[in-house]
Amino acid sequence: MLFYLLLLLGFISLWWHWRARDSMKIVNPTGKYIFITGCDTGFGNMAAKTFDKKGFRVFASCLTETGAEELKAVTSEQLQTVLLDVRDSDRVKKVAAWVKAEVQSEGLWGLVNNAGIMGPSAPTDWLDIEHFREPIEVNLIGLINVTINMLPLIKKAKGRIVNVSSVGGRLAFCGGGYCPSKFGVEGFNDSLRRDMKAFGVKVCCIQPGLFQTPLTNPEKIMKEKKVIWNKLSPDIKTQYGEDYFQKDAAKKQKLSKMSLNKDISLVVQCMEHALTSLHPLAHYVVGQDAKLFWTPLSRMPAVIQDFLLLWNRGELAVSHAK
């Protein structure tokens, strides 16, 4: 009995130590420079506003002038916006040079690679290479390019890099370029984390579930899918069946409503912990759907993954033909 009591006390002690360690913060973040991509809407927009209020010197990159103007109107004079399409390599280099001139010898404390797009989500045989190219160019190549150009400034500050991935980087839940791009982000993040340890740079990866942002707008996703469906060859449409599109959409909308997370501040809280904690986590799994369904499912045998994910798809017409 005494052994089990001591064992319980040992577990409690370890848990308490971990909690205390997890809550340890760096010195006051006031004045530290951070660069965030994709600040027009969603996670990046809220992160820019939040970190500005907390005293960080925020460089917020936006894709559009409208996004930049709207963000600037509701933040302090300390926050600076810059237009950036992460696919434009020349522009990435110019923005990095601008940031270098701004931070000077202090370096860049934090880089939050948040910019991303969904791209068309459809069965692979509906798509061509261009449907895959854009999400991979934005979500993966753009992220790598921004990181490489900002890396000398991060190393100078012995700072933090926060890469926003997805549960789609652990489990391919849809066809198209989104999941391949996020699997790539996971691989890049892990290799970068190990490469940067010797320089005192900490690299973290955030893996959100399904959150209510413009990225996951169901109307936009279905509109893009409908355009692709209408352009399919008669053979492909025959294989899937004329009613496949509607039935598949209904199933996916039902799952989306069940698993959708509405509080995007949860993701921003993880970004904040990654930027300010003395001991940031290597991976942050965010959202009830990610914690209770997608992440556990990603560790299960392929036969279970396939059964559950295929159960949520419309039935093909050819499946009846024997």
Foldseek 3Di string as FASTA:
>chain_A
DVVVVVVVVVVVVVVVVVVVQLPAWDPQQAAAEEEEEACLWFLNVVLLQVVQVSHYQYEYEHQDPVSQVVSVVRGDPSHHYDYDQLLDLVVLLVVLVVVCVVCPQQFHAEYEYDDFAQFAWADPVLDDVVSQPVRLSRLAVSSVSNCVSRVVRNLSNLHEYEYEAALLLLPVLTDTNRSVSRVNVVVVQVVVQVVCVVSNYHYAYEYEYAEPIPRVPLVVNLVVVVVSVVPDDPVVCQFADVCQSVLLSVLVVVVCVVFYDYDSVQRSVLVVSRGIRPDRDRYHYDGPCRVPPSVVLSPDDPVVVCVVSVVSGGDGPCVPPD
